[in-house]
Amino acid sequence: MKTVFMFSGQGAQYAGMGKELYQNYAVAKDIFDRADAVLGYSIKELCFQDEEKLGETEYAQPAILTMSIAAMKVLQEQGVRADMTAGLSLGEYSAYVASGAMDFEEAVALVQKRGKFMAEAVPSGEGGMYAIIGLEQELVEEACRQATEEGLGLAVPANYNAPGQIVIAGRTPAVARAAELAKEKGAKLAVKLKVSGPFHTELLEPASQRLKPELEKLTISPMQIPVYTNVNAQVVEKKEDIVPILTRQICCPVKWEEIIRNMAQQGADTFIELGPGKALAGFVKRTLKGVTILNVEDVSSLDKTMKKLHEIV
């Protein structure tokens, strides 16, 4: 058995996330308390009850990272270890924490800045993202190209999540037009996402420039388990690659489907999503057959996961 820890990205957050883990497990409580100390405000209050602030990128990112690492610590306390790890977009930072490359406190402070820089890169309302469901990759790319060529601004694929599930992003009129064209080409759905900007496009270049010096201040340690990066879907070769990768990651499309396939080629057969929601579990389900897909976000999902793992072993 080869186990993957995968970490949720932004958009998965919800009020109440992590509360059960905090109340029932000392290791989870410790993570929330440590995040509070670093951030100077109560991340637990925000996670447990502040729906409005959780919608803001600057707060959503440290909240998701904290909750994800708390879930991981609880699972590790049960004796579960990962053979490889990856995270979607923001989740890649959780993956570096999981691998031992990044210190949790440094990571949580950094992603708050990352969220702030991303939110400020494109004024609210000027950019957006849509999930395109049930359309082939080539046709999604064609829809984006056509919308861009119509002179409405940039529209590009931003997340290759799973077969038939691609997120596009760009300037508001361009991305809305690309979504319309995708529907005309046969997409089952084009769903506008609740995000504050056109993430993973070149429009986020100002955020990338601001993030670079912050990344360079990090203490990066050697990775104890392989991390697959969003940027090229490959294993990060050495710790020196992490800062350049994360500098580019904000502006690059997320190659999640390819990451999952590459992990499976390396023998991964058990995928555990850590953090809020089950979006990544859903993507794995659409991408691979015959693998075990689990998640940990509260006490009942933890119990189900442990039960299943005991059956497999």
C-alpha atoms as a PDB file:
ATOM      1  CA  MET A   1       0.000   0.000   0.000  1.00  0.00           C
ATOM      2  CA  LYS A   2       1.274   3.486  -0.904  1.00  0.00           C
ATOM      3  CA  THR A   3      -0.536   6.364   0.740  1.00  0.00           C
ATOM      4  CA  VAL A   4      -0.962   9.923  -0.493  1.00  0.00           C
ATOM      5  CA  PHE A   5      -1.829  12.870   1.750  1.00  0.00           C
ATOM      6  CA  MET A   6      -3.566  15.506  -0.382  1.00  0.00           C
ATOM      7  CA  PHE A   7      -4.470  18.966   0.817  1.00  0.00           C
ATOM      8  CA  SER A   8      -7.481  21.116  -0.021  1.00  0.00           C
ATOM      9  CA  GLY A   9      -7.240  24.423  -1.840  1.00  0.00           C
ATOM     10  CA  GLN A  10      -9.141  27.669  -1.456  1.00  0.00           C
ATOM     11  CA  GLY A  11     -12.887  27.481  -1.993  1.00  0.00           C
ATOM     12  CA  ALA A  12     -13.255  24.382   0.207  1.00  0.00           C
ATOM     13  CA  GLN A  13     -13.611  26.408   3.434  1.00  0.00           C
ATOM     14  CA  TYR A  14     -16.815  26.484   5.490  1.00  0.00           C
ATOM     15  CA  ALA A  15     -17.789  27.852   8.904  1.00  0.00           C
ATOM     16  CA  GLY A  16     -17.365  25.149  11.547  1.00  0.00           C
ATOM     17  CA  MET A  17     -14.410  23.446   9.851  1.00  0.00           C
ATOM     18  CA  GLY A  18     -11.963  21.878  12.278  1.00  0.00           C
ATOM     19  CA  LYS A  19     -14.132  22.463  15.352  1.00  0.00           C
ATOM     20  CA  GLU A  20     -14.716  18.782  16.160  1.00  0.00           C
ATOM     21  CA  LEU A  21     -11.042  17.970  15.732  1.00  0.00           C
ATOM     22  CA  TYR A  22     -10.112  20.910  17.973  1.00  0.00           C
ATOM     23  CA  GLN A  23     -12.531  19.803  20.688  1.00  0.00           C
ATOM     24  CA  ASN A  24     -11.552  16.127  20.602  1.00  0.00           C
ATOM     25  CA  TYR A  25      -7.820  15.951  19.883  1.00  0.00           C
ATOM     26  CA  ALA A  26      -5.010  17.722  21.724  1.00  0.00           C
ATOM     27  CA  VAL A  27      -2.751  17.624  18.633  1.00  0.00           C
ATOM     28  CA  ALA A  28      -5.399  19.501  16.616  1.00  0.00           C
ATOM     29  CA  LYS A  29      -5.946  22.039  19.414  1.00  0.00           C
ATOM     30  CA  ASP A  30      -2.181  22.608  19.530  1.00  0.00           C
ATOM     31  CA  ILE A  31      -2.075  23.483  15.807  1.00  0.00           C
ATOM     32  CA  PHE A  32      -4.939  25.992  16.095  1.00  0.00           C
ATOM     33  CA  ASP A  33      -3.339  27.558  19.188  1.00  0.00           C
ATOM     34  CA  ARG A  34       0.022  27.859  17.444  1.00  0.00           C
ATOM     35  CA  ALA A  35      -1.631  29.526  14.430  1.00  0.00           C
ATOM     36  CA  ASP A  36      -3.389  32.016  16.731  1.00  0.00           C
ATOM     37  CA  ALA A  37      -0.064  32.931  18.340  1.00  0.00           C
ATOM     38  CA  VAL A  38       1.573  33.584  14.954  1.00  0.00           C
ATOM     39  CA  LEU A  39      -1.286  35.451  13.287  1.00  0.00           C
ATOM     40  CA  GLY A  40      -2.239  37.637  16.228  1.00  0.00           C
ATOM     41  CA  TYR A  41      -5.955  36.922  15.881  1.00  0.00           C
ATOM     42  CA  SER A  42      -8.099  33.872  16.560  1.00  0.00           C
ATOM     43  CA  ILE A  43      -8.014  31.596  13.539  1.00  0.00           C
ATOM     44  CA  LYS A  44     -10.196  29.131  15.432  1.00  0.00           C
ATOM     45  CA  GLU A  45     -12.996  31.677  15.890  1.00  0.00           C
ATOM     46  CA  LEU A  46     -12.723  32.444  12.208  1.00  0.00           C
ATOM     47  CA  CYS A  47     -12.806  28.736  11.197  1.00  0.00           C
ATOM     48  CA  PHE A  48     -15.570  27.803  13.579  1.00  0.00           C
ATOM     49  CA  GLN A  49     -18.035  30.644  13.028  1.00  0.00           C
ATOM     50  CA  ASP A  50     -16.998  33.507  10.717  1.00  0.00           C
ATOM     51  CA  GLU A  51     -18.481  32.660   7.310  1.00  0.00           C
ATOM     52  CA  GLU A  52     -17.924  36.193   6.023  1.00  0.00           C
ATOM     53  CA  LYS A  53     -14.201  36.444   6.799  1.00  0.00           C
ATOM     54  CA  LEU A  54     -13.647  32.909   5.522  1.00  0.00           C
ATOM     55  CA  GLY A  55     -14.770  34.222   2.136  1.00  0.00           C
ATOM     56  CA  GLU A  56     -11.832  36.658   2.054  1.00  0.00           C
ATOM     57  CA  THR A  57      -8.673  35.244   0.452  1.00  0.00           C
ATOM     58  CA  GLU A  58      -6.376  36.788   3.079  1.00  0.00           C
ATOM     59  CA  TYR A  59      -8.157  34.888   5.882  1.00  0.00           C
ATOM     60  CA  ALA A  60      -9.268  31.805   3.957  1.00  0.00           C
ATOM     61  CA  GLN A  61      -5.709  30.729   3.127  1.00  0.00           C
ATOM     62  CA  PRO A  62      -4.268  30.534   6.688  1.00  0.00           C
ATOM     63  CA  ALA A  63      -7.577  29.073   7.918  1.00  0.00           C
ATOM     64  CA  ILE A  64      -7.500  26.202   5.398  1.00  0.00           C
ATOM     65  CA  LEU A  65      -3.806  25.503   5.986  1.00  0.00           C
ATOM     66  CA  THR A  66      -4.329  25.396   9.771  1.00  0.00           C
ATOM     67  CA  MET A  67      -7.346  23.117   9.554  1.00  0.00           C
ATOM     68  CA  SER A  68      -5.586  20.821   7.049  1.00  0.00           C
ATOM     69  CA  ILE A  69      -2.477  20.407   9.209  1.00  0.00           C
ATOM     70  CA  ALA A  70      -4.660  19.819  12.299  1.00  0.00           C
ATOM     71  CA  ALA A  71      -6.427  16.989  10.406  1.00  0.00           C
ATOM     72  CA  MET A  72      -3.047  15.566   9.356  1.00  0.00           C
ATOM     73  CA  LYS A  73      -1.702  15.609  12.925  1.00  0.00           C
ATOM     74  CA  VAL A  74      -4.777  13.727  14.166  1.00  0.00           C
ATOM     75  CA  LEU A  75      -4.358  11.103  11.429  1.00  0.00           C
ATOM     76  CA  GLN A  76      -0.625  10.751  12.121  1.00  0.00           C
ATOM     77  CA  GLU A  77      -1.388  10.253  15.805  1.00  0.00           C
ATOM     78  CA  GLN A  78      -3.412   7.195  14.711  1.00  0.00           C
ATOM     79  CA  GLY A  79      -0.244   5.836  13.096  1.00  0.00           C
ATOM     80  CA  VAL A  80      -0.962   6.736   9.456  1.00  0.00           C
ATOM     81  CA  ARG A  81       2.003   7.900   7.360  1.00  0.00           C
ATOM     82  CA  ALA A  82       2.217   9.250   3.826  1.00  0.00           C
ATOM     83  CA  ASP A  83       4.507   7.938   1.086  1.00  0.00           C
ATOM     84  CA  MET A  84       3.976  11.047  -1.048  1.00  0.00           C
ATOM     85  CA  THR A  85       2.041  14.302  -0.870  1.00  0.00           C
ATOM     86  CA  ALA A  86       0.539  17.132  -2.927  1.00  0.00           C
ATOM     87  CA  GLY A  87      -1.934  19.946  -2.480  1.00  0.00           C
ATOM     88  CA  LEU A  88      -4.160  21.879  -4.841  1.00  0.00           C
ATOM     89  CA  SER A  89      -2.970  25.485  -5.248  1.00  0.00           C
ATOM     90  CA  LEU A  90      -2.836  26.811  -1.645  1.00  0.00           C
ATOM     91  CA  GLY A  91      -2.787  23.151  -0.539  1.00  0.00           C
ATOM     92  CA  GLU A  92       0.744  22.807  -1.915  1.00  0.00           C
ATOM     93  CA  TYR A  93       1.937  24.802   1.109  1.00  0.00           C
ATOM     94  CA  SER A  94       0.290  22.240   3.424  1.00  0.00           C
ATOM     95  CA  ALA A  95       2.091  19.522   1.440  1.00  0.00           C
ATOM     96  CA  TYR A  96       5.462  21.191   2.113  1.00  0.00           C
ATOM     97  CA  VAL A  97       4.611  21.338   5.830  1.00  0.00           C
ATOM     98  CA  ALA A  98       3.657  17.638   5.676  1.00  0.00           C
ATOM     99  CA  SER A  99       6.973  16.805   4.002  1.00  0.00           C
ATOM    100  CA  GLY A 100       8.986  18.612   6.695  1.00  0.00           C
ATOM    101  CA  ALA A 101      10.283  21.197   4.193  1.00  0.00           C
ATOM    102  CA  MET A 102       8.382  24.061   5.838  1.00  0.00           C
ATOM    103  CA  ASP A 103       7.819  24.977   9.438  1.00  0.00           C
ATOM    104  CA  PHE A 104       4.074  25.238  10.233  1.00  0.00           C
ATOM    105  CA  GLU A 105       4.348  28.658  11.907  1.00  0.00           C
ATOM    106  CA  GLU A 106       6.300  30.143   8.990  1.00  0.00           C
ATOM    107  CA  ALA A 107       3.878  28.624   6.463  1.00  0.00           C
ATOM    108  CA  VAL A 108       0.736  29.964   8.142  1.00  0.00           C
ATOM    109  CA  ALA A 109       2.168  33.508   8.342  1.00  0.00           C
ATOM    110  CA  LEU A 110       3.316  33.284   4.728  1.00  0.00           C
ATOM    111  CA  VAL A 111      -0.018  32.133   3.270  1.00  0.00           C
ATOM    112  CA  GLN A 112      -1.799  35.003   4.966  1.00  0.00           C
ATOM    113  CA  LYS A 113       0.506  37.364   3.025  1.00  0.00           C
ATOM    114  CA  ARG A 114       0.014  35.266  -0.117  1.00  0.00           C
ATOM    115  CA  GLY A 115      -3.763  35.622   0.232  1.00  0.00           C
ATOM    116  CA  LYS A 116      -3.466  39.380   0.725  1.00  0.00           C
ATOM    117  CA  PHE A 117      -1.165  39.797  -2.299  1.00  0.00           C
ATOM    118  CA  MET A 118      -3.467  37.676  -4.483  1.00  0.00           C
ATOM    119  CA  ALA A 119      -6.559  39.626  -3.430  1.00  0.00           C
ATOM    120  CA  GLU A 120      -4.807  42.941  -4.150  1.00  0.00           C
ATOM    121  CA  ALA A 121      -3.288  41.924  -7.518  1.00  0.00           C
ATOM    122  CA  VAL A 122      -6.540  42.379  -9.448  1.00  0.00           C
ATOM    123  CA  PRO A 123      -9.236  44.732  -8.094  1.00  0.00           C
ATOM    124  CA  SER A 124     -12.384  42.937  -6.944  1.00  0.00           C
ATOM    125  CA  GLY A 125     -14.868  42.391  -9.768  1.00  0.00           C
ATOM    126  CA  GLU A 126     -12.254  42.716 -12.526  1.00  0.00           C
ATOM    127  CA  GLY A 127     -11.405  39.033 -12.677  1.00  0.00           C
ATOM    128  CA  GLY A 128     -13.113  35.711 -12.099  1.00  0.00           C
ATOM    129  CA  MET A 129     -13.090  31.940 -12.466  1.00  0.00           C
ATOM    130  CA  TYR A 130     -15.549  29.351 -13.828  1.00  0.00           C
ATOM    131  CA  ALA A 131     -15.560  25.579 -13.499  1.00  0.00           C
ATOM    132  CA  ILE A 132     -16.278  23.977 -16.869  1.00  0.00           C
ATOM    133  CA  ILE A 133     -17.829  20.536 -16.469  1.00  0.00           C
ATOM    134  CA  GLY A 134     -18.105  17.821 -19.104  1.00  0.00           C
ATOM    135  CA  LEU A 135     -16.035  19.285 -21.952  1.00  0.00           C
ATOM    136  CA  GLU A 136     -12.792  17.998 -23.469  1.00  0.00           C
ATOM    137  CA  GLN A 137      -9.607  19.868 -22.661  1.00  0.00           C
ATOM    138  CA  GLU A 138      -8.977  20.982 -26.279  1.00  0.00           C
ATOM    139  CA  LEU A 139     -12.443  22.549 -26.524  1.00  0.00           C
ATOM    140  CA  VAL A 140     -12.057  24.388 -23.201  1.00  0.00           C
ATOM    141  CA  GLU A 141      -8.717  25.780 -24.404  1.00  0.00           C
ATOM    142  CA  GLU A 142     -10.330  26.769 -27.719  1.00  0.00           C
ATOM    143  CA  ALA A 143     -13.167  28.613 -25.908  1.00  0.00           C
ATOM    144  CA  CYS A 144     -10.589  30.594 -23.915  1.00  0.00           C
ATOM    145  CA  ARG A 145      -8.590  31.425 -27.036  1.00  0.00           C
ATOM    146  CA  GLN A 146     -11.689  32.640 -28.876  1.00  0.00           C
ATOM    147  CA  ALA A 147     -12.822  34.848 -25.979  1.00  0.00           C
ATOM    148  CA  THR A 148      -9.329  36.358 -25.704  1.00  0.00           C
ATOM    149  CA  GLU A 149      -9.171  36.959 -29.467  1.00  0.00           C
ATOM    150  CA  GLU A 150     -12.504  38.812 -29.297  1.00  0.00           C
ATOM    151  CA  GLY A 151     -10.564  41.497 -27.417  1.00  0.00           C
ATOM    152  CA  LEU A 152     -12.322  41.077 -24.057  1.00  0.00           C
ATOM    153  CA  GLY A 153      -9.079  40.511 -22.143  1.00  0.00           C
ATOM    154  CA  LEU A 154      -7.337  37.346 -21.012  1.00  0.00           C
ATOM    155  CA  ALA A 155      -9.148  34.014 -20.492  1.00  0.00           C
ATOM    156  CA  VAL A 156      -7.120  30.821 -19.899  1.00  0.00           C
ATOM    157  CA  PRO A 157      -7.411  27.390 -18.260  1.00  0.00           C
ATOM    158  CA  ALA A 158      -6.278  27.755 -14.626  1.00  0.00           C
ATOM    159  CA  ASN A 159      -6.874  24.313 -13.075  1.00  0.00           C
ATOM    160  CA  TYR A 160      -6.775  20.973 -14.872  1.00  0.00           C
ATOM    161  CA  ASN A 161      -8.554  19.159 -12.039  1.00  0.00           C
ATOM    162  CA  ALA A 162      -9.854  15.916 -13.545  1.00  0.00           C
ATOM    163  CA  PRO A 163     -11.229  14.536 -16.811  1.00  0.00           C
ATOM    164  CA  GLY A 164     -14.176  16.762 -17.683  1.00  0.00           C
ATOM    165  CA  GLN A 165     -13.442  19.267 -14.905  1.00  0.00           C
ATOM    166  CA  ILE A 166     -11.349  22.295 -15.856  1.00  0.00           C
ATOM    167  CA  VAL A 167     -11.402  25.719 -14.218  1.00  0.00           C
ATOM    168  CA  ILE A 168     -10.867  28.767 -16.403  1.00  0.00           C
ATOM    169  CA  ALA A 169      -9.859  32.233 -15.220  1.00  0.00           C
ATOM    170  CA  GLY A 170      -9.249  35.728 -16.524  1.00  0.00           C
ATOM    171  CA  ARG A 171     -10.703  39.204 -16.930  1.00  0.00           C
ATOM    172  CA  THR A 172     -14.397  39.250 -16.000  1.00  0.00           C
ATOM    173  CA  PRO A 173     -15.872  39.859 -19.514  1.00  0.00           C
ATOM    174  CA  ALA A 174     -13.417  37.460 -21.188  1.00  0.00           C
ATOM    175  CA  VAL A 175     -13.902  34.580 -18.764  1.00  0.00           C
ATOM    176  CA  ALA A 176     -17.714  35.008 -18.818  1.00  0.00           C
ATOM    177  CA  ARG A 177     -17.594  34.870 -22.631  1.00  0.00           C
ATOM    178  CA  ALA A 178     -15.294  31.800 -22.558  1.00  0.00           C
ATOM    179  CA  ALA A 179     -17.776  30.079 -20.227  1.00  0.00           C
ATOM    180  CA  GLU A 180     -20.581  30.906 -22.675  1.00  0.00           C
ATOM    181  CA  LEU A 181     -18.551  29.531 -25.599  1.00  0.00           C
ATOM    182  CA  ALA A 182     -17.757  26.377 -23.608  1.00  0.00           C
ATOM    183  CA  LYS A 183     -21.507  25.820 -23.125  1.00  0.00           C
ATOM    184  CA  GLU A 184     -22.024  26.275 -26.869  1.00  0.00           C
ATOM    185  CA  LYS A 185     -19.303  23.661 -27.509  1.00  0.00           C
ATOM    186  CA  GLY A 186     -21.150  21.137 -25.363  1.00  0.00           C
ATOM    187  CA  ALA A 187     -20.084  21.714 -21.735  1.00  0.00           C
ATOM    188  CA  LYS A 188     -22.673  20.306 -19.324  1.00  0.00           C
ATOM    189  CA  LEU A 189     -22.132  23.138 -16.855  1.00  0.00           C
ATOM    190  CA  ALA A 190     -20.208  26.392 -16.486  1.00  0.00           C
ATOM    191  CA  VAL A 191     -20.243  27.380 -12.821  1.00  0.00           C
ATOM    192  CA  LYS A 192     -18.980  30.766 -11.608  1.00  0.00           C
ATOM    193  CA  LEU A 193     -16.691  30.228  -8.620  1.00  0.00           C
ATOM    194  CA  LYS A 194     -16.792  32.235  -5.396  1.00  0.00           C
ATOM    195  CA  VAL A 195     -13.247  33.558  -5.570  1.00  0.00           C
ATOM    196  CA  SER A 196     -11.957  37.098  -5.533  1.00  0.00           C
ATOM    197  CA  GLY A 197      -9.699  36.977  -8.566  1.00  0.00           C
ATOM    198  CA  PRO A 198      -8.337  35.240 -11.681  1.00  0.00           C
ATOM    199  CA  PHE A 199      -5.951  32.927  -9.812  1.00  0.00           C
ATOM    200  CA  HIS A 200      -3.285  30.912 -11.644  1.00  0.00           C
ATOM    201  CA  THR A 201      -3.065  33.303 -14.573  1.00  0.00           C
ATOM    202  CA  GLU A 202      -0.466  35.862 -15.631  1.00  0.00           C
ATOM    203  CA  LEU A 203      -2.783  38.567 -14.201  1.00  0.00           C
ATOM    204  CA  LEU A 204      -1.447  37.519 -10.785  1.00  0.00           C
ATOM    205  CA  GLU A 205       2.132  38.501 -11.714  1.00  0.00           C
ATOM    206  CA  PRO A 206       2.088  41.473  -9.237  1.00  0.00           C
ATOM    207  CA  ALA A 207       1.284  39.021  -6.410  1.00  0.00           C
ATOM    208  CA  SER A 208       4.095  36.730  -7.543  1.00  0.00           C
ATOM    209  CA  GLN A 209       6.586  39.629  -7.409  1.00  0.00           C
ATOM    210  CA  ARG A 210       5.479  40.593  -3.896  1.00  0.00           C
ATOM    211  CA  LEU A 211       5.551  37.010  -2.670  1.00  0.00           C
ATOM    212  CA  LYS A 212       9.085  36.243  -3.887  1.00  0.00           C
ATOM    213  CA  PRO A 213      11.004  38.179  -1.181  1.00  0.00           C
ATOM    214  CA  GLU A 214       8.711  36.696   1.492  1.00  0.00           C
ATOM    215  CA  LEU A 215       9.423  33.180   0.206  1.00  0.00           C
ATOM    216  CA  GLU A 216      13.146  33.907   0.241  1.00  0.00           C
ATOM    217  CA  LYS A 217      12.995  34.575   4.010  1.00  0.00           C
ATOM    218  CA  LEU A 218      11.712  31.039   4.693  1.00  0.00           C
ATOM    219  CA  THR A 219      13.770  28.360   6.365  1.00  0.00           C
ATOM    220  CA  ILE A 220      13.493  25.452   3.926  1.00  0.00           C
ATOM    221  CA  SER A 221      14.511  21.982   5.119  1.00  0.00           C
ATOM    222  CA  PRO A 222      15.038  18.818   3.048  1.00  0.00           C
ATOM    223  CA  MET A 223      11.780  17.027   2.194  1.00  0.00           C
ATOM    224  CA  GLN A 224      11.205  13.788   4.099  1.00  0.00           C
ATOM    225  CA  ILE A 225       8.585  12.531   1.626  1.00  0.00           C
ATOM    226  CA  PRO A 226       8.169  13.359  -2.083  1.00  0.00           C
ATOM    227  CA  VAL A 227       6.072  16.434  -2.909  1.00  0.00           C
ATOM    228  CA  TYR A 228       4.445  16.783  -6.336  1.00  0.00           C
ATOM    229  CA  THR A 229       4.099  20.377  -7.492  1.00  0.00           C
ATOM    230  CA  ASN A 230       1.167  22.027  -9.296  1.00  0.00           C
ATOM    231  CA  VAL A 231       3.571  23.756 -11.694  1.00  0.00           C
ATOM    232  CA  ASN A 232       4.720  20.700 -13.696  1.00  0.00           C
ATOM    233  CA  ALA A 233       3.022  17.761 -11.887  1.00  0.00           C
ATOM    234  CA  GLN A 234       6.447  16.277 -11.097  1.00  0.00           C
ATOM    235  CA  VAL A 235       8.241  15.510  -7.842  1.00  0.00           C
ATOM    236  CA  VAL A 236      10.139  18.521  -6.463  1.00  0.00           C
ATOM    237  CA  GLU A 237      13.752  17.421  -6.864  1.00  0.00           C
ATOM    238  CA  LYS A 238      15.473  19.395  -4.114  1.00  0.00           C
ATOM    239  CA  LYS A 239      14.683  21.945  -1.428  1.00  0.00           C
ATOM    240  CA  GLU A 240      16.331  24.746  -3.465  1.00  0.00           C
ATOM    241  CA  ASP A 241      13.572  24.339  -6.079  1.00  0.00           C
ATOM    242  CA  ILE A 242      10.741  25.179  -3.652  1.00  0.00           C
ATOM    243  CA  VAL A 243      11.044  28.993  -3.650  1.00  0.00           C
ATOM    244  CA  PRO A 244      11.226  29.341  -7.478  1.00  0.00           C
ATOM    245  CA  ILE A 245       8.312  26.874  -7.825  1.00  0.00           C
ATOM    246  CA  LEU A 246       6.076  28.736  -5.362  1.00  0.00           C
ATOM    247  CA  THR A 247       6.973  32.095  -6.949  1.00  0.00           C
ATOM    248  CA  ARG A 248       5.704  30.792 -10.309  1.00  0.00           C
ATOM    249  CA  GLN A 249       2.834  28.744  -8.888  1.00  0.00           C
ATOM    250  CA  ILE A 250       0.490  31.743  -8.398  1.00  0.00           C
ATOM    251  CA  CYS A 251       0.587  32.491 -12.155  1.00  0.00           C
ATOM    252  CA  CYS A 252       0.733  28.916 -13.532  1.00  0.00           C
ATOM    253  CA  PRO A 253      -2.153  26.569 -14.259  1.00  0.00           C
ATOM    254  CA  VAL A 254      -2.615  23.802 -11.689  1.00  0.00           C
ATOM    255  CA  LYS A 255      -1.918  20.360 -13.196  1.00  0.00           C
ATOM    256  CA  TRP A 256      -3.866  18.316 -10.654  1.00  0.00           C
ATOM    257  CA  GLU A 257      -5.069  15.523 -12.934  1.00  0.00           C
ATOM    258  CA  GLU A 258      -1.494  14.919 -14.097  1.00  0.00           C
ATOM    259  CA  ILE A 259      -0.220  14.885 -10.475  1.00  0.00           C
ATOM    260  CA  ILE A 260      -2.736  12.157  -9.592  1.00  0.00           C
ATOM    261  CA  ARG A 261      -1.782  10.077 -12.648  1.00  0.00           C
ATOM    262  CA  ASN A 262       1.948  10.471 -11.907  1.00  0.00           C
ATOM    263  CA  MET A 263       1.443   9.377  -8.295  1.00  0.00           C
ATOM    264  CA  ALA A 264      -0.526   6.319  -9.441  1.00  0.00           C
ATOM    265  CA  GLN A 265       2.367   5.432 -11.780  1.00  0.00           C
ATOM    266  CA  GLN A 266       4.620   5.443  -8.718  1.00  0.00           C
ATOM    267  CA  GLY A 267       2.331   2.935  -7.005  1.00  0.00           C
ATOM    268  CA  ALA A 268      -0.015   5.238  -5.063  1.00  0.00           C
ATOM    269  CA  ASP A 269      -3.226   3.343  -4.312  1.00  0.00           C
ATOM    270  CA  THR A 270      -4.632   5.089  -1.215  1.00  0.00           C
ATOM    271  CA  PHE A 271      -5.508   8.788  -1.439  1.00  0.00           C
ATOM    272  CA  ILE A 272      -6.467  10.654   1.751  1.00  0.00           C
ATOM    273  CA  GLU A 273      -7.754  14.221   1.506  1.00  0.00           C
ATOM    274  CA  LEU A 274      -6.927  16.306   4.586  1.00  0.00           C
ATOM    275  CA  GLY A 275      -8.765  19.559   5.183  1.00  0.00           C
ATOM    276  CA  PRO A 276     -12.220  20.934   4.456  1.00  0.00           C
ATOM    277  CA  GLY A 277     -14.473  19.231   1.923  1.00  0.00           C
ATOM    278  CA  LYS A 278     -14.044  16.372  -0.507  1.00  0.00           C
ATOM    279  CA  ALA A 279     -13.275  18.149  -3.781  1.00  0.00           C
ATOM    280  CA  LEU A 280      -9.903  16.446  -4.285  1.00  0.00           C
ATOM    281  CA  ALA A 281     -11.358  13.042  -3.436  1.00  0.00           C
ATOM    282  CA  GLY A 282     -13.905  13.712  -6.195  1.00  0.00           C
ATOM    283  CA  PHE A 283     -11.147  14.592  -8.676  1.00  0.00           C
ATOM    284  CA  VAL A 284      -9.249  11.377  -7.892  1.00  0.00           C
ATOM    285  CA  LYS A 285     -12.465   9.403  -8.370  1.00  0.00           C
ATOM    286  CA  ARG A 286     -12.899  10.932 -11.836  1.00  0.00           C
ATOM    287  CA  THR A 287      -9.262  10.285 -12.749  1.00  0.00           C
ATOM    288  CA  LEU A 288      -8.374   6.806 -11.427  1.00  0.00           C
ATOM    289  CA  LYS A 289     -10.163   3.488 -11.101  1.00  0.00           C
ATOM    290  CA  GLY A 290      -9.573   0.870  -8.412  1.00  0.00           C
ATOM    291  CA  VAL A 291      -7.920   3.067  -5.783  1.00  0.00           C
ATOM    292  CA  THR A 292      -8.980   3.764  -2.196  1.00  0.00           C
ATOM    293  CA  ILE A 293     -10.179   7.352  -1.681  1.00  0.00           C
ATOM    294  CA  LEU A 294     -10.674   8.707   1.856  1.00  0.00           C
ATOM    295  CA  ASN A 295     -10.860  12.018   3.684  1.00  0.00           C
ATOM    296  CA  VAL A 296     -10.414  13.470   7.162  1.00  0.00           C
ATOM    297  CA  GLU A 297     -12.204  16.679   8.159  1.00  0.00           C
ATOM    298  CA  ASP A 298     -14.116  15.737  11.330  1.00  0.00           C
ATOM    299  CA  VAL A 299     -14.551  12.878  13.803  1.00  0.00           C
ATOM    300  CA  SER A 300     -16.866  10.743  11.650  1.00  0.00           C
ATOM    301  CA  SER A 301     -14.679  10.989   8.508  1.00  0.00           C
ATOM    302  CA  LEU A 302     -11.638  10.118  10.658  1.00  0.00           C
ATOM    303  CA  ASP A 303     -13.441   7.054  12.051  1.00  0.00           C
ATOM    304  CA  LYS A 304     -14.477   5.944   8.547  1.00  0.00           C
ATOM    305  CA  THR A 305     -10.933   6.405   7.256  1.00  0.00           C
ATOM    306  CA  MET A 306      -9.358   4.419  10.102  1.00  0.00           C
ATOM    307  CA  LYS A 307     -11.918   1.641   9.710  1.00  0.00           C
ATOM    308  CA  LYS A 308     -11.192   1.398   5.971  1.00  0.00           C
ATOM    309  CA  LEU A 309      -7.398   1.467   6.491  1.00  0.00           C
ATOM    310  CA  HIS A 310      -7.623  -1.367   9.021  1.00  0.00           C
ATOM    311  CA  GLU A 311      -9.605  -3.412   6.480  1.00  0.00           C
ATOM    312  CA  ILE A 312      -6.971  -2.870   3.785  1.00  0.00           C
ATOM    313  CA  VAL A 313      -3.920  -3.713   5.896  1.00  0.00           C
END
